[in-house]
Amino acid sequence: MTGSVSRRVLLRGAVGLAAAGGLAGVVDLARTAGTGRADTTGGLRVGYLPITDAAPLLIAHSAGLYTGTSVATTQPVLFRSWSSLAEAFLSRHVDVVHLLMPMAVQLRYALGGAARILGWSHTNGSALTVAPDVTDLGELAGRQIAIPFWWSIHNIIVQKMLREHGLRPVVRAEPSRSAGTVGLVVMSPSDMLPALANGAIGGYTVADPFNAAAEIKGVGRIHRFLGDVWRDHACCALLVHEDVIERNPAGVQQLTDAVTTAQLRIGADRGRAAETLKSGDYLPQPLPAITKALTYPPDEYRITHHDWNPQRIGYQPFPFPGFTRALVEAMHETEIDGDRTFLSRLDPTTVHADLVDDRFVRQSLIRGGGPAAFGLPADLTRTEEVDPT
């Protein structure tokens, strides 16, 4: 925590996060606070949401890659909402998390949490899933779409899509078909599928395997992969507290090495990774949904940019500065229900250097065989490509 920010400020922020995440956030935080740290060795404790975004942290645990490192070898702690995961991180009940990258920006600059991004947990891996009767984006006018959190790449991208198609996203307002408005509501990922099934919402945008599960259950269909809108966008980032880096840089390097090694393992055998995520009791969803989420056949979907492989969740760790800049710029134009005043203090050109510490992931890339082993360009540069049409 930065010296200028009190514990009271962080607690106020946690309350706000719980409000955005709903009752599940409060329940999860209470459970975590009540049990305390199960690991007594002082190892860094991992927290996660049960989605394929968390796979590198979970596969690293299953493969024993944390053994002999500063990371706790106890079972990672499962949370049901982004707010509860962030609250547990702020309150130091977990030390390592995968967190929505826009949420990481909010955590550091709005809530004063001294957190740093070590690298990306994954790219792509999300979609806009709609009710079976929705065949065109315009048919969502007058209906609601669920998002996992206000500051999420899901909210940012779906709003770009809606505006591109002449629709206007609204918050705390009744959506109108005649006015071409679409209501946005925050919902825990686990609540989205039943809400779609009972008609409470017309669609949702979220990480997998919740999109795959809707198709398997026959209650929804994937309208578009978000990777078909923003090429290889980062959804979740690997986050630790800044003082952990200062106190134990060697341990942070061990953590980054373990996660990047796990990313390579997932890429080498996605089917086996899916089985591990299920058999290891990391993800509660059925194996067919997890497997499908990791191995979508592209010929079953309408895809605009086939060369982007937008249906394929990617496990590459390098945090490109250009993405951070484009993300912060996009946050300025995104509708949310909550405080956005912190954005006025942010310069998109300088956020990356302050928020991201890529020293460790650069070393991990070398140890993992170089950028090419992860499907990355040798010079570790890229140009952002966004197409919401």
Protein backbone atom coordinates (compact mmCIF):
# COMPACT_ATOMS: atom_id res chain seq x y z
CA MET A 1 0.00 0.00 0.00
CA THR A 2 1.29 3.47 -0.82
CA GLY A 3 2.13 5.62 2.18
CA SER A 4 -0.48 8.24 1.32
CA VAL A 5 -3.36 5.77 1.29
CA SER A 6 -4.88 4.56 4.54
CA ARG A 7 -6.40 1.20 5.30
CA ARG A 8 -9.72 3.01 5.59
CA VAL A 9 -9.54 4.03 1.93
CA LEU A 10 -8.88 0.47 0.85
CA LEU A 11 -11.75 -0.81 2.96
CA ARG A 12 -14.07 1.76 1.40
CA GLY A 13 -12.89 0.53 -1.98
CA ALA A 14 -13.58 -3.06 -0.96
CA VAL A 15 -17.12 -2.14 0.04
CA GLY A 16 -17.61 -0.57 -3.37
CA LEU A 17 -16.27 -3.66 -5.08
CA ALA A 18 -18.63 -5.84 -3.06
CA ALA A 19 -21.56 -3.68 -4.10
CA ALA A 20 -20.63 -4.08 -7.74
CA GLY A 21 -20.16 -7.81 -7.41
CA GLY A 22 -23.32 -8.50 -5.40
CA LEU A 23 -23.91 -10.65 -2.36
CA ALA A 24 -21.51 -13.35 -3.54
CA GLY A 25 -18.64 -10.90 -3.06
CA VAL A 26 -19.59 -10.26 0.56
CA VAL A 27 -20.04 -13.96 1.32
CA ASP A 28 -16.70 -14.93 -0.23
CA LEU A 29 -14.82 -12.19 1.59
CA ALA A 30 -16.44 -13.13 4.90
CA ARG A 31 -15.45 -16.76 4.36
CA THR A 32 -11.89 -15.83 3.52
CA ALA A 33 -11.57 -13.45 6.46
CA GLY A 34 -13.00 -16.10 8.79
CA THR A 35 -10.62 -18.84 7.75
CA GLY A 36 -7.56 -16.62 7.47
CA ARG A 37 -4.44 -17.87 5.77
CA ALA A 38 -4.55 -21.67 5.62
CA ASP A 39 -0.90 -21.73 4.60
CA THR A 40 1.38 -21.18 7.60
CA THR A 41 4.68 -21.31 5.74
CA GLY A 42 4.47 -17.72 4.61
CA GLY A 43 4.18 -18.72 0.96
CA LEU A 44 2.37 -16.47 -1.49
CA ARG A 45 -1.25 -17.58 -1.61
CA VAL A 46 -3.07 -17.79 -4.94
CA GLY A 47 -6.68 -16.68 -5.50
CA TYR A 48 -8.72 -17.23 -8.67
CA LEU A 49 -12.11 -17.26 -10.38
CA PRO A 50 -13.24 -20.62 -11.84
CA ILE A 51 -12.69 -19.68 -15.48
CA THR A 52 -10.21 -20.75 -18.12
CA ASP A 53 -8.44 -17.40 -17.66
CA ALA A 54 -6.98 -18.80 -14.43
CA ALA A 55 -5.59 -21.92 -16.11
CA PRO A 56 -1.88 -20.94 -15.93
CA LEU A 57 -2.04 -20.43 -12.15
CA LEU A 58 -3.96 -23.68 -11.70
CA ILE A 59 -1.91 -25.86 -14.04
CA ALA A 60 1.25 -24.56 -12.35
CA HIS A 61 -0.16 -25.80 -9.04
CA SER A 62 -1.23 -29.15 -10.45
CA ALA A 63 2.15 -29.73 -12.08
CA GLY A 64 4.00 -28.99 -8.85
CA LEU A 65 5.71 -25.95 -10.33
CA TYR A 66 5.29 -24.02 -7.07
CA THR A 67 7.22 -26.64 -5.08
CA GLY A 68 10.46 -25.18 -3.76
CA THR A 69 9.38 -21.62 -4.61
CA SER A 70 7.94 -18.76 -2.59
CA VAL A 71 4.42 -19.65 -3.74
CA ALA A 72 2.25 -21.67 -1.36
CA THR A 73 1.65 -25.25 -2.48
CA THR A 74 -1.78 -25.32 -0.83
CA GLN A 75 -4.84 -25.46 -3.09
CA PRO A 76 -5.51 -22.08 -4.72
CA VAL A 77 -8.54 -20.31 -3.25
CA LEU A 78 -11.64 -20.15 -5.45
CA PHE A 79 -13.83 -17.03 -5.51
CA ARG A 80 -17.13 -16.59 -7.32
CA SER A 81 -16.98 -12.94 -8.34
CA TRP A 82 -14.38 -10.40 -9.38
CA SER A 83 -15.29 -8.13 -6.49
CA SER A 84 -14.69 -10.86 -3.91
CA LEU A 85 -11.35 -11.78 -5.48
CA ALA A 86 -10.22 -8.14 -5.51
CA GLU A 87 -11.36 -7.63 -1.92
CA ALA A 88 -9.39 -10.66 -0.76
CA PHE A 89 -6.35 -9.32 -2.59
CA LEU A 90 -6.71 -5.86 -1.06
CA SER A 91 -7.11 -7.31 2.42
CA ARG A 92 -4.04 -9.53 1.93
CA HIS A 93 -5.89 -12.82 2.30
CA VAL A 94 -4.41 -13.79 -1.06
CA ASP A 95 -1.19 -12.47 -2.57
CA VAL A 96 -1.29 -13.58 -6.21
CA VAL A 97 -4.34 -13.25 -8.45
CA HIS A 98 -5.39 -13.11 -12.06
CA LEU A 99 -7.46 -9.95 -12.35
CA LEU A 100 -9.32 -8.13 -15.09
CA MET A 101 -6.77 -5.71 -16.51
CA PRO A 102 -9.07 -2.65 -16.45
CA MET A 103 -9.92 -3.60 -12.88
CA ALA A 104 -6.21 -3.60 -12.05
CA VAL A 105 -6.06 -0.02 -13.33
CA GLN A 106 -8.98 0.88 -11.08
CA LEU A 107 -7.46 -0.91 -8.11
CA ARG A 108 -4.18 0.99 -8.34
CA TYR A 109 -5.38 4.44 -9.31
CA ALA A 110 -8.87 4.69 -7.81
CA LEU A 111 -8.57 2.53 -4.70
CA GLY A 112 -4.91 3.14 -3.92
CA GLY A 113 -3.90 -0.51 -3.90
CA ALA A 114 -0.17 -0.75 -4.51
CA ALA A 115 -0.38 -3.59 -7.00
CA ARG A 116 1.77 -4.34 -10.02
CA ILE A 117 1.10 -6.41 -13.10
CA LEU A 118 3.81 -8.98 -13.81
CA GLY A 119 2.45 -10.10 -17.15
CA TRP A 120 -0.65 -11.34 -18.92
CA SER A 121 -2.48 -14.43 -17.77
CA HIS A 122 -3.97 -14.97 -21.23
CA THR A 123 -5.33 -13.36 -24.40
CA ASN A 124 -8.82 -13.71 -25.91
CA GLY A 125 -10.94 -16.37 -24.19
CA SER A 126 -14.21 -14.40 -24.01
CA ALA A 127 -17.32 -13.99 -26.11
CA LEU A 128 -20.72 -12.34 -26.39
CA THR A 129 -23.27 -15.09 -25.83
CA VAL A 130 -26.91 -14.36 -26.66
CA ALA A 131 -30.31 -15.99 -26.29
CA PRO A 132 -31.19 -18.45 -29.07
CA ASP A 133 -33.77 -16.07 -30.56
CA VAL A 134 -31.18 -13.31 -31.06
CA THR A 135 -29.70 -13.54 -34.53
CA ASP A 136 -28.54 -9.95 -34.97
CA LEU A 137 -26.97 -7.48 -32.56
CA GLY A 138 -29.78 -5.00 -33.23
CA GLU A 139 -32.24 -7.44 -31.65
CA LEU A 140 -30.69 -6.69 -28.26
CA ALA A 141 -32.32 -3.24 -28.27
CA GLY A 142 -34.69 -3.02 -25.32
CA ARG A 143 -32.98 -5.91 -23.53
CA GLN A 144 -30.23 -6.28 -20.96
CA ILE A 145 -26.72 -7.67 -21.32
CA ALA A 146 -24.84 -8.96 -18.28
CA ILE A 147 -21.17 -8.09 -17.81
CA PRO A 148 -18.81 -9.48 -15.15
CA PHE A 149 -17.61 -6.10 -13.86
CA TRP A 150 -17.81 -2.45 -14.91
CA TRP A 151 -14.07 -2.18 -15.40
CA SER A 152 -13.65 -5.22 -17.62
CA ILE A 153 -12.48 -5.70 -21.18
CA HIS A 154 -15.88 -7.34 -21.71
CA ASN A 155 -17.73 -4.12 -20.94
CA ILE A 156 -15.30 -2.07 -23.02
CA ILE A 157 -15.52 -4.28 -26.11
CA VAL A 158 -19.28 -4.92 -26.00
CA GLN A 159 -19.91 -1.17 -25.78
CA LYS A 160 -17.74 -0.65 -28.85
CA MET A 161 -19.81 -3.27 -30.66
CA LEU A 162 -23.14 -1.78 -29.60
CA ARG A 163 -22.19 1.73 -30.68
CA GLU A 164 -20.85 0.50 -34.00
CA HIS A 165 -24.24 -1.07 -34.69
CA GLY A 166 -26.23 2.04 -33.79
CA LEU A 167 -27.16 0.96 -30.28
CA ARG A 168 -26.58 2.93 -27.09
CA PRO A 169 -25.55 1.23 -23.84
CA VAL A 170 -27.36 2.55 -20.76
CA VAL A 171 -26.77 2.14 -17.03
CA ARG A 172 -29.52 2.29 -14.39
CA ALA A 173 -32.09 3.02 -17.05
CA GLU A 174 -34.82 0.90 -18.57
CA PRO A 175 -33.62 -0.18 -22.03
CA SER A 176 -35.89 0.82 -24.89
CA ARG A 177 -36.30 -0.98 -28.18
CA SER A 178 -37.63 2.13 -29.91
CA ALA A 179 -34.75 4.24 -28.61
CA GLY A 180 -32.18 1.59 -29.52
CA THR A 181 -30.79 1.29 -26.01
CA VAL A 182 -29.33 -1.79 -24.34
CA GLY A 183 -29.15 -2.09 -20.56
CA LEU A 184 -25.94 -3.19 -18.87
CA VAL A 185 -25.95 -5.03 -15.56
CA VAL A 186 -23.08 -6.49 -13.53
CA MET A 187 -23.52 -10.16 -12.69
CA SER A 188 -21.25 -12.85 -11.30
CA PRO A 189 -20.24 -15.25 -14.10
CA SER A 190 -21.90 -18.18 -12.33
CA ASP A 191 -25.24 -16.34 -12.34
CA MET A 192 -25.19 -15.45 -16.04
CA LEU A 193 -26.15 -18.79 -17.57
CA PRO A 194 -29.31 -19.28 -15.45
CA ALA A 195 -30.29 -15.64 -16.05
CA LEU A 196 -30.03 -16.22 -19.80
CA ALA A 197 -31.95 -19.47 -19.53
CA ASN A 198 -34.89 -17.86 -17.71
CA GLY A 199 -35.03 -14.83 -20.01
CA ALA A 200 -33.93 -12.26 -17.44
CA ILE A 201 -31.22 -11.09 -19.85
CA GLY A 202 -30.83 -11.19 -23.62
CA GLY A 203 -27.16 -12.03 -23.51
CA TYR A 204 -23.93 -11.86 -21.56
CA THR A 205 -20.27 -11.27 -22.22
CA VAL A 206 -17.84 -13.16 -20.07
CA ALA A 207 -14.86 -15.47 -20.01
CA ASP A 208 -15.10 -19.15 -20.76
CA PRO A 209 -16.17 -21.83 -20.06
CA PHE A 210 -19.47 -20.00 -19.43
CA ASN A 211 -19.95 -19.31 -23.14
CA ALA A 212 -19.24 -22.90 -24.10
CA ALA A 213 -21.53 -24.12 -21.31
CA ALA A 214 -24.48 -22.09 -22.65
CA GLU A 215 -24.10 -23.75 -26.04
CA ILE A 216 -23.77 -27.22 -24.58
CA LYS A 217 -26.89 -26.70 -22.44
CA GLY A 218 -28.75 -25.23 -25.41
CA VAL A 219 -29.73 -22.00 -23.64
CA GLY A 220 -27.59 -19.64 -25.71
CA ARG A 221 -25.20 -19.31 -28.60
CA ILE A 222 -21.96 -17.47 -29.14
CA HIS A 223 -22.69 -14.41 -31.28
CA ARG A 224 -19.08 -13.24 -31.53
CA PHE A 225 -15.75 -13.95 -29.92
CA LEU A 226 -14.27 -10.81 -28.39
CA GLY A 227 -10.94 -11.72 -29.97
CA ASP A 228 -12.64 -11.10 -33.31
CA VAL A 229 -13.14 -7.48 -32.23
CA TRP A 230 -9.83 -6.73 -30.48
CA ARG A 231 -7.07 -8.99 -31.70
CA ASP A 232 -5.27 -10.92 -28.95
CA HIS A 233 -6.51 -8.53 -26.26
CA ALA A 234 -5.49 -9.16 -22.67
CA CYS A 235 -8.41 -9.98 -20.40
CA CYS A 236 -6.67 -10.96 -17.18
CA ALA A 237 -3.26 -9.99 -15.85
CA LEU A 238 -1.06 -11.59 -13.20
CA LEU A 239 -1.11 -9.31 -10.16
CA VAL A 240 0.96 -9.11 -6.97
CA HIS A 241 1.44 -6.51 -4.26
CA GLU A 242 4.22 -4.03 -4.92
CA ASP A 243 5.89 -4.68 -1.58
CA VAL A 244 6.16 -8.37 -2.44
CA ILE A 245 8.32 -7.42 -5.42
CA GLU A 246 10.44 -5.13 -3.27
CA ARG A 247 10.82 -7.67 -0.48
CA ASN A 248 11.29 -10.85 -2.49
CA PRO A 249 12.22 -10.31 -6.14
CA ALA A 250 13.66 -13.82 -6.39
CA GLY A 251 10.34 -15.26 -5.25
CA VAL A 252 8.48 -13.15 -7.79
CA GLN A 253 10.77 -14.50 -10.50
CA GLN A 254 9.97 -18.04 -9.37
CA LEU A 255 6.26 -17.26 -9.57
CA THR A 256 6.57 -15.80 -13.07
CA ASP A 257 8.67 -18.73 -14.24
CA ALA A 258 6.08 -21.20 -12.94
CA VAL A 259 3.17 -19.42 -14.61
CA THR A 260 4.91 -19.04 -17.97
CA THR A 261 5.99 -22.69 -17.91
CA ALA A 262 2.37 -23.62 -17.27
CA GLN A 263 1.29 -21.48 -20.23
CA LEU A 264 3.60 -23.47 -22.49
CA ARG A 265 2.23 -26.74 -21.12
CA ILE A 266 -1.36 -25.70 -21.83
CA GLY A 267 -0.46 -24.76 -25.38
CA ALA A 268 1.25 -28.11 -25.92
CA ASP A 269 -1.78 -30.20 -24.93
CA ARG A 270 -5.06 -28.37 -24.45
CA GLY A 271 -7.10 -31.52 -24.04
CA ARG A 272 -4.94 -32.68 -21.18
CA ALA A 273 -5.07 -29.22 -19.61
CA ALA A 274 -8.86 -29.34 -19.68
CA GLU A 275 -8.87 -32.74 -17.97
CA THR A 276 -6.51 -31.45 -15.29
CA LEU A 277 -8.63 -28.38 -14.60
CA LYS A 278 -11.61 -30.67 -14.02
CA SER A 279 -10.01 -33.64 -12.29
CA GLY A 280 -8.03 -31.39 -9.97
CA ASP A 281 -11.25 -29.77 -8.70
CA TYR A 282 -10.11 -26.38 -9.95
CA LEU A 283 -13.11 -25.68 -12.21
CA PRO A 284 -16.66 -26.81 -11.36
CA GLN A 285 -17.99 -26.76 -14.93
CA PRO A 286 -18.43 -30.05 -16.82
CA LEU A 287 -15.43 -31.35 -18.74
CA PRO A 288 -17.09 -30.97 -22.18
CA ALA A 289 -17.53 -27.22 -21.57
CA ILE A 290 -13.94 -26.78 -20.40
CA THR A 291 -12.57 -28.79 -23.31
CA LYS A 292 -14.67 -26.90 -25.83
CA ALA A 293 -13.54 -23.58 -24.40
CA LEU A 294 -9.89 -24.52 -24.94
CA THR A 295 -10.40 -26.08 -28.38
CA TYR A 296 -13.19 -24.23 -30.23
CA PRO A 297 -13.45 -25.47 -33.85
CA PRO A 298 -13.50 -22.23 -35.90
CA ASP A 299 -15.65 -23.61 -38.70
CA GLU A 300 -18.67 -23.73 -36.38
CA TYR A 301 -18.80 -19.96 -35.91
CA ARG A 302 -19.23 -16.76 -37.86
CA ILE A 303 -15.78 -15.17 -37.72
CA THR A 304 -14.72 -11.96 -39.42
CA HIS A 305 -10.97 -12.19 -38.93
CA HIS A 306 -10.01 -15.84 -39.39
CA ASP A 307 -6.31 -15.00 -39.40
CA TRP A 308 -6.65 -13.65 -35.86
CA ASN A 309 -7.78 -17.06 -34.52
CA PRO A 310 -10.25 -15.18 -32.31
CA GLN A 311 -11.93 -18.32 -30.98
CA ARG A 312 -8.67 -19.53 -29.45
CA ILE A 313 -7.74 -18.49 -25.94
CA GLY A 314 -4.04 -17.71 -25.96
CA TYR A 315 -1.63 -18.25 -23.11
CA GLN A 316 1.11 -15.78 -23.82
CA PRO A 317 2.52 -13.70 -20.97
CA PHE A 318 4.12 -10.59 -22.41
CA PRO A 319 2.30 -7.32 -21.55
CA PHE A 320 2.55 -5.06 -24.60
CA PRO A 321 2.76 -1.35 -23.69
CA GLY A 322 0.60 -0.39 -26.67
CA PHE A 323 -2.27 -2.45 -25.31
CA THR A 324 -2.13 -0.73 -21.93
CA ARG A 325 -2.25 2.66 -23.61
CA ALA A 326 -5.17 1.68 -25.87
CA LEU A 327 -6.98 0.14 -22.90
CA VAL A 328 -6.77 3.29 -20.78
CA GLU A 329 -7.92 5.36 -23.75
CA ALA A 330 -10.91 3.02 -24.17
CA MET A 331 -11.76 3.24 -20.48
CA HIS A 332 -12.34 6.99 -20.94
CA GLU A 333 -15.20 6.32 -23.36
CA THR A 334 -16.82 3.42 -21.49
CA GLU A 335 -20.08 3.82 -19.55
CA ILE A 336 -19.99 2.50 -15.98
CA ASP A 337 -22.02 2.76 -12.80
CA GLY A 338 -19.44 4.09 -10.37
CA ASP A 339 -16.54 6.47 -9.86
CA ARG A 340 -14.58 7.36 -12.96
CA THR A 341 -12.94 10.57 -11.77
CA PHE A 342 -9.57 8.84 -11.40
CA LEU A 343 -9.37 8.59 -15.18
CA SER A 344 -8.90 12.35 -15.45
CA ARG A 345 -5.59 11.95 -13.63
CA LEU A 346 -4.29 9.24 -15.95
CA ASP A 347 -2.07 9.81 -18.94
CA PRO A 348 -2.48 6.76 -21.20
CA THR A 349 1.12 7.10 -22.35
CA THR A 350 2.59 6.72 -18.85
CA VAL A 351 0.29 4.21 -17.12
CA HIS A 352 2.10 1.13 -18.44
CA ALA A 353 5.48 2.04 -16.96
CA ASP A 354 3.90 2.67 -13.55
CA LEU A 355 1.46 -0.25 -13.45
CA VAL A 356 3.43 -3.02 -15.18
CA ASP A 357 6.74 -4.50 -14.09
CA ASP A 358 7.89 -6.68 -16.99
CA ARG A 359 11.42 -7.41 -15.74
CA PHE A 360 10.44 -10.87 -14.53
CA VAL A 361 8.44 -11.97 -17.54
CA ARG A 362 11.27 -10.97 -19.85
CA GLN A 363 13.55 -13.33 -17.96
CA SER A 364 10.88 -16.04 -18.03
CA LEU A 365 10.57 -15.72 -21.79
CA ILE A 366 14.30 -16.34 -22.17
CA ARG A 367 14.17 -19.34 -19.85
CA GLY A 368 11.14 -20.70 -21.72
CA GLY A 369 12.87 -20.72 -25.09
CA GLY A 370 12.49 -17.12 -26.21
CA PRO A 371 9.52 -15.14 -27.54
CA ALA A 372 8.97 -17.53 -30.46
CA ALA A 373 8.19 -20.38 -28.06
CA PHE A 374 5.17 -18.37 -26.90
CA GLY A 375 4.14 -17.27 -30.39
CA LEU A 376 5.47 -13.76 -29.81
CA PRO A 377 7.41 -11.48 -32.17
CA ALA A 378 11.14 -11.43 -31.55
CA ASP A 379 11.20 -7.69 -30.88
CA LEU A 380 8.22 -7.89 -28.50
CA THR A 381 6.34 -5.11 -30.25
CA ARG A 382 2.94 -5.05 -31.92
CA THR A 383 0.25 -2.74 -33.27
CA GLU A 384 -3.21 -2.93 -31.74
CA GLU A 385 -5.98 -4.05 -34.11
CA VAL A 386 -9.59 -3.29 -33.15
CA ASP A 387 -12.62 -3.86 -35.40
CA PRO A 388 -16.07 -3.75 -33.75
CA THR A 389 -17.98 -3.88 -37.07
